[in-house]
Structures are given as C-alpha cells and as structure tokens.
PDB file of N, CA and C in Angstrom:
ATOM      1  N   UNK A   1     121.026 -11.249  65.374  1.00  0.00           N
ATOM      2  CA  UNK A   1     121.493 -10.271  66.330  1.00  0.00           C
ATOM      3  C   UNK A   1     122.511  -9.388  65.628  1.00  0.00           C
ATOM      4  N   UNK A   2     122.429  -8.113  65.840  1.00  0.00           N
ATOM      5  CA  UNK A   2     123.335  -7.155  65.228  1.00  0.00           C
ATOM      6  C   UNK A   2     124.067  -6.386  66.312  1.00  0.00           C
ATOM      7  N   UNK A   3     125.372  -6.219  66.141  1.00  0.00           N
ATOM      8  CA  UNK A   3     126.152  -5.378  67.040  1.00  0.00           C
ATOM      9  C   UNK A   3     126.354  -4.051  66.334  1.00  0.00           C
ATOM     10  N   UNK A   4     125.943  -2.987  66.964  1.00  0.00           N
ATOM     11  CA  UNK A   4     126.029  -1.666  66.332  1.00  0.00           C
ATOM     12  C   UNK A   4     126.936  -0.750  67.141  1.00  0.00           C
ATOM     13  N   UNK A   5     127.600   0.091  66.420  1.00  0.00           N
ATOM     14  CA  UNK A   5     128.442   1.109  67.050  1.00  0.00           C
ATOM     15  C   UNK A   5     127.982   2.477  66.554  1.00  0.00           C
ATOM     16  N   UNK A   6     128.122   3.456  67.405  1.00  0.00           N
ATOM     17  CA  UNK A   6     127.711   4.808  67.066  1.00  0.00           C
ATOM     18  C   UNK A   6     128.767   5.775  67.579  1.00  0.00           C
ATOM     19  N   UNK A   7     128.909   6.889  66.917  1.00  0.00           N
ATOM     20  CA  UNK A   7     129.855   7.900  67.393  1.00  0.00           C
ATOM     21  C   UNK A   7     129.344   8.575  68.661  1.00  0.00           C
ATOM     22  N   UNK A   8     128.026   8.629  68.833  1.00  0.00           N
ATOM     23  CA  UNK A   8     127.445   9.279  69.999  1.00  0.00           C
ATOM     24  C   UNK A   8     127.425   8.363  71.217  1.00  0.00           C
ATOM     25  N   UNK A   9     127.229   7.072  71.006  1.00  0.00           N
ATOM     26  CA  UNK A   9     127.147   6.108  72.111  1.00  0.00           C
ATOM     27  C   UNK A   9     128.498   5.430  72.249  1.00  0.00           C
ATOM     28  N   UNK A  10     129.060   5.461  73.444  1.00  0.00           N
ATOM     29  CA  UNK A  10     130.424   4.993  73.675  1.00  0.00           C
ATOM     30  C   UNK A  10     130.514   3.547  74.146  1.00  0.00           C
ATOM     31  N   UNK A  11     129.478   2.754  73.929  1.00  0.00           N
ATOM     32  CA  UNK A  11     129.491   1.339  74.302  1.00  0.00           C
ATOM     33  C   UNK A  11     128.730   0.569  73.234  1.00  0.00           C
ATOM     34  N   UNK A  12     129.014  -0.717  73.104  1.00  0.00           N
ATOM     35  CA  UNK A  12     128.305  -1.509  72.081  1.00  0.00           C
ATOM     36  C   UNK A  12     126.832  -1.670  72.432  1.00  0.00           C
ATOM     37  N   UNK A  13     125.999  -1.665  71.426  1.00  0.00           N
ATOM     38  CA  UNK A  13     124.567  -1.910  71.600  1.00  0.00           C
ATOM     39  C   UNK A  13     124.175  -3.060  70.693  1.00  0.00           C
ATOM     40  N   UNK A  14     123.255  -3.867  71.160  1.00  0.00           N
ATOM     41  CA  UNK A  14     122.765  -4.996  70.382  1.00  0.00           C
ATOM     42  C   UNK A  14     121.376  -4.709  69.849  1.00  0.00           C
ATOM     43  N   UNK A  15     121.114  -5.204  68.672  1.00  0.00           N
ATOM     44  CA  UNK A  15     119.766  -5.204  68.118  1.00  0.00           C
ATOM     45  C   UNK A  15     119.376  -6.667  67.944  1.00  0.00           C
ATOM     46  N   UNK A  16     118.116  -6.976  68.132  1.00  0.00           N
ATOM     47  CA  UNK A  16     117.636  -8.358  68.081  1.00  0.00           C
ATOM     48  C   UNK A  16     116.430  -8.444  67.143  1.00  0.00           C
ATOM     49  N   UNK A  17     116.622  -8.169  65.852  1.00  0.00           N
ATOM     50  CA  UNK A  17     115.479  -8.120  64.934  1.00  0.00           C
ATOM     51  C   UNK A  17     114.758  -9.453  64.750  1.00  0.00           C
ATOM     52  N   UNK A  18     115.408 -10.562  65.041  1.00  0.00           N
ATOM     53  CA  UNK A  18     114.754 -11.883  64.912  1.00  0.00           C
ATOM     54  C   UNK A  18     114.196 -12.360  66.245  1.00  0.00           C
ATOM     55  N   UNK A  19     114.361 -11.586  67.286  1.00  0.00           N
ATOM     56  CA  UNK A  19     113.873 -11.904  68.642  1.00  0.00           C
ATOM     57  C   UNK A  19     114.520 -13.160  69.230  1.00  0.00           C
ATOM     58  N   UNK A  20     115.679 -13.534  68.724  1.00  0.00           N
ATOM     59  CA  UNK A  20     116.384 -14.710  69.229  1.00  0.00           C
ATOM     60  C   UNK A  20     116.774 -14.551  70.698  1.00  0.00           C
ATOM     61  N   UNK A  21     117.354 -13.406  71.046  1.00  0.00           N
ATOM     62  CA  UNK A  21     117.777 -13.180  72.432  1.00  0.00           C
ATOM     63  C   UNK A  21     116.591 -13.007  73.373  1.00  0.00           C
ATOM     64  N   UNK A  22     115.594 -12.218  72.961  1.00  0.00           N
ATOM     65  CA  UNK A  22     114.464 -11.980  73.862  1.00  0.00           C
ATOM     66  C   UNK A  22     113.716 -13.279  74.162  1.00  0.00           C
ATOM     67  N   UNK A  23     113.616 -14.138  73.177  1.00  0.00           N
ATOM     68  CA  UNK A  23     112.981 -15.442  73.420  1.00  0.00           C
ATOM     69  C   UNK A  23     113.851 -16.309  74.318  1.00  0.00           C
ATOM     70  N   UNK A  24     115.159 -16.331  74.059  1.00  0.00           N
ATOM     71  CA  UNK A  24     116.074 -17.149  74.852  1.00  0.00           C
ATOM     72  C   UNK A  24     116.081 -16.729  76.323  1.00  0.00           C
ATOM     73  N   UNK A  25     115.943 -15.433  76.572  1.00  0.00           N
ATOM     74  CA  UNK A  25     115.953 -14.937  77.947  1.00  0.00           C
ATOM     75  C   UNK A  25     114.556 -14.872  78.565  1.00  0.00           C
ATOM     76  N   UNK A  26     113.550 -15.274  77.806  1.00  0.00           N
ATOM     77  CA  UNK A  26     112.197 -15.346  78.352  1.00  0.00           C
ATOM     78  C   UNK A  26     111.515 -14.011  78.570  1.00  0.00           C
ATOM     79  N   UNK A  27     111.896 -12.984  77.820  1.00  0.00           N
ATOM     80  CA  UNK A  27     111.283 -11.676  78.005  1.00  0.00           C
ATOM     81  C   UNK A  27     110.474 -11.218  76.792  1.00  0.00           C
ATOM     82  N   UNK A  28     110.381 -12.066  75.780  1.00  0.00           N
ATOM     83  CA  UNK A  28     109.667 -11.691  74.554  1.00  0.00           C
ATOM     84  C   UNK A  28     108.152 -11.733  74.779  1.00  0.00           C
ATOM     85  N   UNK A  29     107.461 -10.731  74.302  1.00  0.00           N
ATOM     86  CA  UNK A  29     106.007 -10.675  74.359  1.00  0.00           C
ATOM     87  C   UNK A  29     105.523 -10.952  72.933  1.00  0.00           C
ATOM     88  N   UNK A  30     105.163 -12.192  72.656  1.00  0.00           N
ATOM     89  CA  UNK A  30     104.824 -12.626  71.292  1.00  0.00           C
ATOM     90  C   UNK A  30     103.734 -11.768  70.655  1.00  0.00           C
ATOM     91  N   UNK A  31     102.632 -11.567  71.374  1.00  0.00           N
ATOM     92  CA  UNK A  31     101.490 -10.860  70.785  1.00  0.00           C
ATOM     93  C   UNK A  31     101.781  -9.390  70.480  1.00  0.00           C
ATOM     94  N   UNK A  32     102.806  -8.822  71.101  1.00  0.00           N
ATOM     95  CA  UNK A  32     103.139  -7.425  70.863  1.00  0.00           C
ATOM     96  C   UNK A  32     104.394  -7.240  70.016  1.00  0.00           C
ATOM     97  N   UNK A  33     105.163  -8.315  69.842  1.00  0.00           N
ATOM     98  CA  UNK A  33     106.381  -8.224  69.045  1.00  0.00           C
ATOM     99  C   UNK A  33     107.466  -7.368  69.668  1.00  0.00           C
ATOM    100  N   UNK A  34     107.488  -7.331  70.995  1.00  0.00           N
ATOM    101  CA  UNK A  34     108.523  -6.592  71.703  1.00  0.00           C
ATOM    102  C   UNK A  34     108.884  -7.334  72.978  1.00  0.00           C
ATOM    103  N   UNK A  35     109.761  -6.756  73.762  1.00  0.00           N
ATOM    104  CA  UNK A  35     110.248  -7.443  74.963  1.00  0.00           C
ATOM    105  C   UNK A  35     110.004  -6.607  76.210  1.00  0.00           C
ATOM    106  N   UNK A  36     109.869  -7.321  77.344  1.00  0.00           N
ATOM    107  CA  UNK A  36     109.887  -6.634  78.628  1.00  0.00           C
ATOM    108  C   UNK A  36     111.287  -6.083  78.845  1.00  0.00           C
ATOM    109  N   UNK A  37     111.431  -5.167  79.775  1.00  0.00           N
ATOM    110  CA  UNK A  37     112.747  -4.638  80.121  1.00  0.00           C
ATOM    111  C   UNK A  37     113.480  -5.681  80.957  1.00  0.00           C
ATOM    112  N   UNK A  38     114.440  -6.308  80.352  1.00  0.00           N
ATOM    113  CA  UNK A  38     115.211  -7.331  81.043  1.00  0.00           C
ATOM    114  C   UNK A  38     116.656  -6.907  81.187  1.00  0.00           C
ATOM    115  N   UNK A  39     117.202  -7.151  82.357  1.00  0.00           N
ATOM    116  CA  UNK A  39     118.610  -6.892  82.626  1.00  0.00           C
ATOM    117  C   UNK A  39     119.227  -8.200  83.078  1.00  0.00           C
ATOM    118  N   UNK A  40     120.284  -8.612  82.400  1.00  0.00           N
ATOM    119  CA  UNK A  40     120.942  -9.878  82.702  1.00  0.00           C
ATOM    120  C   UNK A  40     122.437  -9.641  82.804  1.00  0.00           C
ATOM    121  N   UNK A  41     123.024 -10.112  83.890  1.00  0.00           N
ATOM    122  CA  UNK A  41     124.461 -10.009  84.093  1.00  0.00           C
ATOM    123  C   UNK A  41     125.026 -11.413  83.966  1.00  0.00           C
ATOM    124  N   UNK A  42     125.901 -11.602  82.995  1.00  0.00           N
ATOM    125  CA  UNK A  42     126.463 -12.916  82.697  1.00  0.00           C
ATOM    126  C   UNK A  42     127.948 -12.883  83.020  1.00  0.00           C
ATOM    127  N   UNK A  43     128.408 -13.851  83.819  1.00  0.00           N
ATOM    128  CA  UNK A  43     129.828 -13.866  84.192  1.00  0.00           C
ATOM    129  C   UNK A  43     130.675 -14.423  83.044  1.00  0.00           C
ATOM    130  N   UNK A  44     132.001 -14.340  83.153  1.00  0.00           N
ATOM    131  CA  UNK A  44     132.860 -14.813  82.058  1.00  0.00           C
ATOM    132  C   UNK A  44     132.689 -16.298  81.719  1.00  0.00           C
ATOM    133  N   UNK A  45     132.166 -17.080  82.654  1.00  0.00           N
ATOM    134  CA  UNK A  45     131.925 -18.497  82.400  1.00  0.00           C
ATOM    135  C   UNK A  45     130.590 -18.739  81.699  1.00  0.00           C
ATOM    136  N   UNK A  46     129.825 -17.682  81.468  1.00  0.00           N
ATOM    137  CA  UNK A  46     128.546 -17.808  80.783  1.00  0.00           C
ATOM    138  C   UNK A  46     127.364 -18.065  81.702  1.00  0.00           C
ATOM    139  N   UNK A  47     127.557 -17.972  83.010  1.00  0.00           N
ATOM    140  CA  UNK A  47     126.481 -18.187  83.983  1.00  0.00           C
ATOM    141  C   UNK A  47     125.771 -16.857  84.266  1.00  0.00           C
ATOM    142  N   UNK A  48     124.443 -16.893  84.253  1.00  0.00           N
ATOM    143  CA  UNK A  48     123.672 -15.702  84.612  1.00  0.00           C
ATOM    144  C   UNK A  48     123.752 -15.537  86.125  1.00  0.00           C
ATOM    145  N   UNK A  49     124.291 -14.406  86.577  1.00  0.00           N
ATOM    146  CA  UNK A  49     124.412 -14.154  88.012  1.00  0.00           C
ATOM    147  C   UNK A  49     123.418 -13.105  88.497  1.00  0.00           C
ATOM    148  N   UNK A  50     122.723 -12.454  87.563  1.00  0.00           N
ATOM    149  CA  UNK A  50     121.686 -11.502  87.920  1.00  0.00           C
ATOM    150  C   UNK A  50     120.671 -11.484  86.789  1.00  0.00           C
ATOM    151  N   UNK A  51     119.408 -11.553  87.151  1.00  0.00           N
ATOM    152  CA  UNK A  51     118.335 -11.449  86.166  1.00  0.00           C
ATOM    153  C   UNK A  51     117.214 -10.633  86.769  1.00  0.00           C
ATOM    154  N   UNK A  52     116.846  -9.555  86.086  1.00  0.00           N
ATOM    155  CA  UNK A  52     115.736  -8.720  86.525  1.00  0.00           C
ATOM    156  C   UNK A  52     114.859  -8.437  85.319  1.00  0.00           C
ATOM    157  N   UNK A  53     113.567  -8.560  85.509  1.00  0.00           N
ATOM    158  CA  UNK A  53     112.631  -8.275  84.429  1.00  0.00           C
ATOM    159  C   UNK A  53     111.553  -7.352  84.981  1.00  0.00           C
ATOM    160  N   UNK A  54     111.352  -6.228  84.310  1.00  0.00           N
ATOM    161  CA  UNK A  54     110.327  -5.270  84.700  1.00  0.00           C
ATOM    162  C   UNK A  54     109.336  -5.086  83.560  1.00  0.00           C
ATOM    163  N   UNK A  55     108.149  -4.674  83.917  1.00  0.00           N
ATOM    164  CA  UNK A  55     107.187  -4.233  82.925  1.00  0.00           C
ATOM    165  C   UNK A  55     107.772  -3.013  82.225  1.00  0.00           C
ATOM    166  N   UNK A  56     107.381  -2.772  81.009  1.00  0.00           N
ATOM    167  CA  UNK A  56     107.974  -1.679  80.248  1.00  0.00           C
ATOM    168  C   UNK A  56     107.678  -0.293  80.804  1.00  0.00           C
ATOM    169  N   UNK A  57     106.725  -0.182  81.693  1.00  0.00           N
ATOM    170  CA  UNK A  57     106.434   1.107  82.312  1.00  0.00           C
ATOM    171  C   UNK A  57     107.284   1.397  83.540  1.00  0.00           C
ATOM    172  N   UNK A  58     108.120   0.458  83.943  1.00  0.00           N
ATOM    173  CA  UNK A  58     108.945   0.624  85.144  1.00  0.00           C
ATOM    174  C   UNK A  58     110.389   0.848  84.716  1.00  0.00           C
ATOM    175  N   UNK A  59     110.967   1.949  85.130  1.00  0.00           N
ATOM    176  CA  UNK A  59     112.335   2.283  84.763  1.00  0.00           C
ATOM    177  C   UNK A  59     113.364   1.493  85.552  1.00  0.00           C
ATOM    178  N   UNK A  60     114.580   1.494  85.042  1.00  0.00           N
ATOM    179  CA  UNK A  60     115.697   0.822  85.699  1.00  0.00           C
ATOM    180  C   UNK A  60     116.668   1.865  86.224  1.00  0.00           C
ATOM    181  N   UNK A  61     117.454   1.471  87.210  1.00  0.00           N
ATOM    182  CA  UNK A  61     118.391   2.379  87.855  1.00  0.00           C
ATOM    183  C   UNK A  61     119.816   1.959  87.479  1.00  0.00           C
ATOM    184  N   UNK A  62     120.489   2.761  86.653  1.00  0.00           N
ATOM    185  CA  UNK A  62     121.838   2.425  86.190  1.00  0.00           C
ATOM    186  C   UNK A  62     122.833   2.377  87.345  1.00  0.00           C
ATOM    187  N   UNK A  63     122.675   3.246  88.339  1.00  0.00           N
ATOM    188  CA  UNK A  63     123.590   3.225  89.487  1.00  0.00           C
ATOM    189  C   UNK A  63     123.470   1.909  90.243  1.00  0.00           C
ATOM    190  N   UNK A  64     122.253   1.415  90.417  1.00  0.00           N
ATOM    191  CA  UNK A  64     122.048   0.150  91.125  1.00  0.00           C
ATOM    192  C   UNK A  64     122.588  -1.025  90.311  1.00  0.00           C
ATOM    193  N   UNK A  65     122.421  -0.985  89.001  1.00  0.00           N
ATOM    194  CA  UNK A  65     122.982  -2.042  88.162  1.00  0.00           C
ATOM    195  C   UNK A  65     124.508  -2.037  88.253  1.00  0.00           C
ATOM    196  N   UNK A  66     125.106  -0.868  88.263  1.00  0.00           N
ATOM    197  CA  UNK A  66     126.561  -0.772  88.397  1.00  0.00           C
ATOM    198  C   UNK A  66     127.004  -1.332  89.747  1.00  0.00           C
ATOM    199  N   UNK A  67     126.267  -1.008  90.822  1.00  0.00           N
ATOM    200  CA  UNK A  67     126.601  -1.534  92.157  1.00  0.00           C
ATOM    201  C   UNK A  67     126.523  -3.055  92.163  1.00  0.00           C
ATOM    202  N   UNK A  68     125.482  -3.608  91.546  1.00  0.00           N
ATOM    203  CA  UNK A  68     125.330  -5.063  91.499  1.00  0.00           C
ATOM    204  C   UNK A  68     126.426  -5.706  90.651  1.00  0.00           C
ATOM    205  N   UNK A  69     126.854  -5.033  89.599  1.00  0.00           N
ATOM    206  CA  UNK A  69     127.967  -5.538  88.792  1.00  0.00           C
ATOM    207  C   UNK A  69     129.236  -5.574  89.632  1.00  0.00           C
ATOM    208  N   UNK A  70     129.480  -4.526  90.404  1.00  0.00           N
ATOM    209  CA  UNK A  70     130.646  -4.501  91.293  1.00  0.00           C
ATOM    210  C   UNK A  70     130.562  -5.619  92.336  1.00  0.00           C
ATOM    211  N   UNK A  71     129.369  -5.856  92.867  1.00  0.00           N
ATOM    212  CA  UNK A  71     129.191  -6.923  93.854  1.00  0.00           C
ATOM    213  C   UNK A  71     129.456  -8.290  93.222  1.00  0.00           C
ATOM    214  N   UNK A  72     128.972  -8.502  92.006  1.00  0.00           N
ATOM    215  CA  UNK A  72     129.211  -9.774  91.322  1.00  0.00           C
ATOM    216  C   UNK A  72     130.700  -9.991  91.075  1.00  0.00           C
ATOM    217  N   UNK A  73     131.399  -8.934  90.694  1.00  0.00           N
ATOM    218  CA  UNK A  73     132.842  -9.038  90.495  1.00  0.00           C
ATOM    219  C   UNK A  73     133.555  -9.329  91.809  1.00  0.00           C
ATOM    220  N   UNK A  74     133.096  -8.695  92.883  1.00  0.00           N
ATOM    221  CA  UNK A  74     133.714  -8.913  94.195  1.00  0.00           C
ATOM    222  C   UNK A  74     133.540 -10.353  94.654  1.00  0.00           C
ATOM    223  N   UNK A  75     132.327 -10.878  94.580  1.00  0.00           N
ATOM    224  CA  UNK A  75     132.116 -12.243  95.075  1.00  0.00           C
ATOM    225  C   UNK A  75     132.796 -13.279  94.180  1.00  0.00           C
ATOM    226  N   UNK A  76     132.962 -12.967  92.903  1.00  0.00           N
ATOM    227  CA  UNK A  76     133.702 -13.873  92.024  1.00  0.00           C
ATOM    228  C   UNK A  76     135.166 -13.954  92.457  1.00  0.00           C
ATOM    229  N   UNK A  77     135.714 -12.840  92.922  1.00  0.00           N
ATOM    230  CA  UNK A  77     137.110 -12.795  93.360  1.00  0.00           C
ATOM    231  C   UNK A  77     137.282 -13.225  94.819  1.00  0.00           C
ATOM    232  N   UNK A  78     136.167 -13.291  95.573  1.00  0.00           N
ATOM    233  CA  UNK A  78     136.217 -13.615  97.006  1.00  0.00           C
ATOM    234  C   UNK A  78     135.178 -14.677  97.337  1.00  0.00           C
ATOM    235  N   UNK A  79     135.409 -15.912  96.898  1.00  0.00           N
ATOM    236  CA  UNK A  79     134.434 -16.976  97.171  1.00  0.00           C
ATOM    237  C   UNK A  79     134.174 -17.129  98.671  1.00  0.00           C
ATOM    238  N   UNK A  80     132.949 -17.452  99.007  1.00  0.00           N
ATOM    239  CA  UNK A  80     132.591 -17.644 100.406  1.00  0.00           C
ATOM    240  C   UNK A  80     132.112 -16.379 101.090  1.00  0.00           C
ATOM    241  N   UNK A  81     132.121 -15.261 100.382  1.00  0.00           N
ATOM    242  CA  UNK A  81     131.603 -14.015 100.929  1.00  0.00           C
ATOM    243  C   UNK A  81     130.358 -13.622 100.154  1.00  0.00           C
ATOM    244  N   UNK A  82     129.512 -12.834 100.777  1.00  0.00           N
ATOM    245  CA  UNK A  82     128.331 -12.300 100.105  1.00  0.00           C
ATOM    246  C   UNK A  82     128.248 -10.802 100.372  1.00  0.00           C
ATOM    247  N   UNK A  83     127.672 -10.103  99.429  1.00  0.00           N
ATOM    248  CA  UNK A  83     127.501  -8.659  99.558  1.00  0.00           C
ATOM    249  C   UNK A  83     126.061  -8.368  99.953  1.00  0.00           C
ATOM    250  N   UNK A  84     125.850  -7.735 101.090  1.00  0.00           N
ATOM    251  CA  UNK A  84     124.485  -7.424 101.515  1.00  0.00           C
ATOM    252  C   UNK A  84     123.858  -6.326 100.654  1.00  0.00           C
ATOM    253  N   UNK A  85     122.576  -6.130 100.838  1.00  0.00           N
ATOM    254  CA  UNK A  85     121.879  -5.047 100.135  1.00  0.00           C
ATOM    255  C   UNK A  85     122.578  -3.727 100.440  1.00  0.00           C
ATOM    256  N   UNK A  86     122.644  -2.868  99.461  1.00  0.00           N
ATOM    257  CA  UNK A  86     123.265  -1.550  99.546  1.00  0.00           C
ATOM    258  C   UNK A  86     124.782  -1.609  99.735  1.00  0.00           C
ATOM    259  N   UNK A  87     125.391  -2.796  99.581  1.00  0.00           N
ATOM    260  CA  UNK A  87     126.839  -2.917  99.652  1.00  0.00           C
ATOM    261  C   UNK A  87     127.480  -2.074  98.559  1.00  0.00           C
ATOM    262  N   UNK A  88     128.596  -1.440  98.890  1.00  0.00           N
ATOM    263  CA  UNK A  88     129.413  -0.741  97.903  1.00  0.00           C
ATOM    264  C   UNK A  88     130.867  -1.131  98.149  1.00  0.00           C
ATOM    265  N   UNK A  89     131.724  -1.008  97.144  1.00  0.00           N
ATOM    266  CA  UNK A  89     133.125  -1.377  97.325  1.00  0.00           C
ATOM    267  C   UNK A  89     133.737  -0.681  98.539  1.00  0.00           C
ATOM    268  N   UNK A  90     134.471  -1.467  99.312  1.00  0.00           N
ATOM    269  CA  UNK A  90     135.094  -0.954 100.526  1.00  0.00           C
ATOM    270  C   UNK A  90     134.279  -1.215 101.777  1.00  0.00           C
ATOM    271  N   UNK A  91     132.994  -1.512 101.619  1.00  0.00           N
ATOM    272  CA  UNK A  91     132.137  -1.806 102.771  1.00  0.00           C
ATOM    273  C   UNK A  91     132.309  -3.264 103.183  1.00  0.00           C
ATOM    274  N   UNK A  92     131.840  -3.608 104.359  1.00  0.00           N
ATOM    275  CA  UNK A  92     131.950  -4.967 104.877  1.00  0.00           C
ATOM    276  C   UNK A  92     131.058  -5.929 104.109  1.00  0.00           C
ATOM    277  N   UNK A  93     131.542  -7.143 103.965  1.00  0.00           N
ATOM    278  CA  UNK A  93     130.750  -8.214 103.376  1.00  0.00           C
ATOM    279  C   UNK A  93     130.377  -9.179 104.482  1.00  0.00           C
ATOM    280  N   UNK A  94     129.683 -10.232 104.116  1.00  0.00           N
ATOM    281  CA  UNK A  94     129.234 -11.228 105.098  1.00  0.00           C
ATOM    282  C   UNK A  94     129.733 -12.601 104.709  1.00  0.00           C
ATOM    283  N   UNK A  95     129.833 -13.463 105.698  1.00  0.00           N
ATOM    284  CA  UNK A  95     130.066 -14.883 105.477  1.00  0.00           C
ATOM    285  C   UNK A  95     128.725 -15.547 105.689  1.00  0.00           C
ATOM    286  N   UNK A  96     128.184 -16.215 104.659  1.00  0.00           N
ATOM    287  CA  UNK A  96     126.845 -16.813 104.812  1.00  0.00           C
ATOM    288  C   UNK A  96     126.856 -17.931 105.858  1.00  0.00           C
ATOM    289  N   UNK A  97     125.739 -18.043 106.574  1.00  0.00           N
ATOM    290  CA  UNK A  97     125.591 -19.084 107.577  1.00  0.00           C
ATOM    291  C   UNK A  97     124.275 -18.940 108.305  1.00  0.00           C
ATOM    292  N   UNK A  98     123.895 -19.967 109.018  1.00  0.00           N
ATOM    293  CA  UNK A  98     122.636 -19.958 109.748  1.00  0.00           C
ATOM    294  C   UNK A  98     122.599 -18.901 110.836  1.00  0.00           C
ATOM    295  N   UNK A  99     123.752 -18.493 111.333  1.00  0.00           N
ATOM    296  CA  UNK A  99     123.782 -17.469 112.387  1.00  0.00           C
ATOM    297  C   UNK A  99     123.305 -16.104 111.886  1.00  0.00           C
ATOM    298  N   UNK A 100     123.241 -15.918 110.573  1.00  0.00           N
ATOM    299  CA  UNK A 100     122.754 -14.647 110.024  1.00  0.00           C
ATOM    300  C   UNK A 100     121.235 -14.595 109.857  1.00  0.00           C
ATOM    301  N   UNK A 101     120.590 -15.732 109.914  1.00  0.00           N
ATOM    302  CA  UNK A 101     119.152 -15.791 109.672  1.00  0.00           C
ATOM    303  C   UNK A 101     118.412 -14.906 110.681  1.00  0.00           C
ATOM    304  N   UNK A 102     117.627 -13.991 110.165  1.00  0.00           N
ATOM    305  CA  UNK A 102     116.846 -13.091 111.006  1.00  0.00           C
ATOM    306  C   UNK A 102     117.602 -11.882 111.509  1.00  0.00           C
ATOM    307  N   UNK A 103     118.896 -11.777 111.189  1.00  0.00           N
ATOM    308  CA  UNK A 103     119.704 -10.657 111.680  1.00  0.00           C
ATOM    309  C   UNK A 103     119.953  -9.594 110.616  1.00  0.00           C
ATOM    310  N   UNK A 104     119.712  -9.923 109.354  1.00  0.00           N
ATOM    311  CA  UNK A 104     119.967  -8.930 108.306  1.00  0.00           C
ATOM    312  C   UNK A 104     118.733  -8.667 107.497  1.00  0.00           C
TER     313      UNK A 104
END
C-alpha cells in the first residue's frame, strides 16, 4: 500500500498495487485485476461502521457520504440515538425501539 500526496489533491490518497486492501475488504475482482467501487467508513476503534459496494458503472455521491460520516460521528458521541434516512446535523434523531416499527 502506498500513501501518495499531490499538490493538486488536498487529501491523502492510497494506492494498492499488491491488492492487499481490496482483497481484505472483499471488493477485489481477481479475473480482472481491479476492484469494485467500495466505500468503507472506519471509526477510531477500527470498526467498520459503513460499507457500500457498487459495480464500477455506478457512481457514488460525495454529499451523501459526507452526510453519513456526520451521522456516524453524531451517533458515536450520542449513544442510544439513531439518525434516520436523510438526517442532517441539527435535525431530530430517534431513540430505537419497537414502537418505531412500521412508523418510519
């Protein structure tokens, strides 16, 4: 795995020339020597809290990934709450329970 920096790109990018990461995350396509589009959000404890895998012809939405990252940070700081679909910071969250079944 290589960590690369560029003057044009303002965030770290990884390269995986040995396919170690793509195999570990289960997105490697052996016969093609490439990977599906996988997005994984890992918390500071090393637990995967979000995993999405798309076919390479399906694009990803950076705004939605950012929203989900904010939701993961919120629930980490507020145990016992959940963020519903389309939740954004400042909006109401939910307390999970059987009374919500069929209502959301």
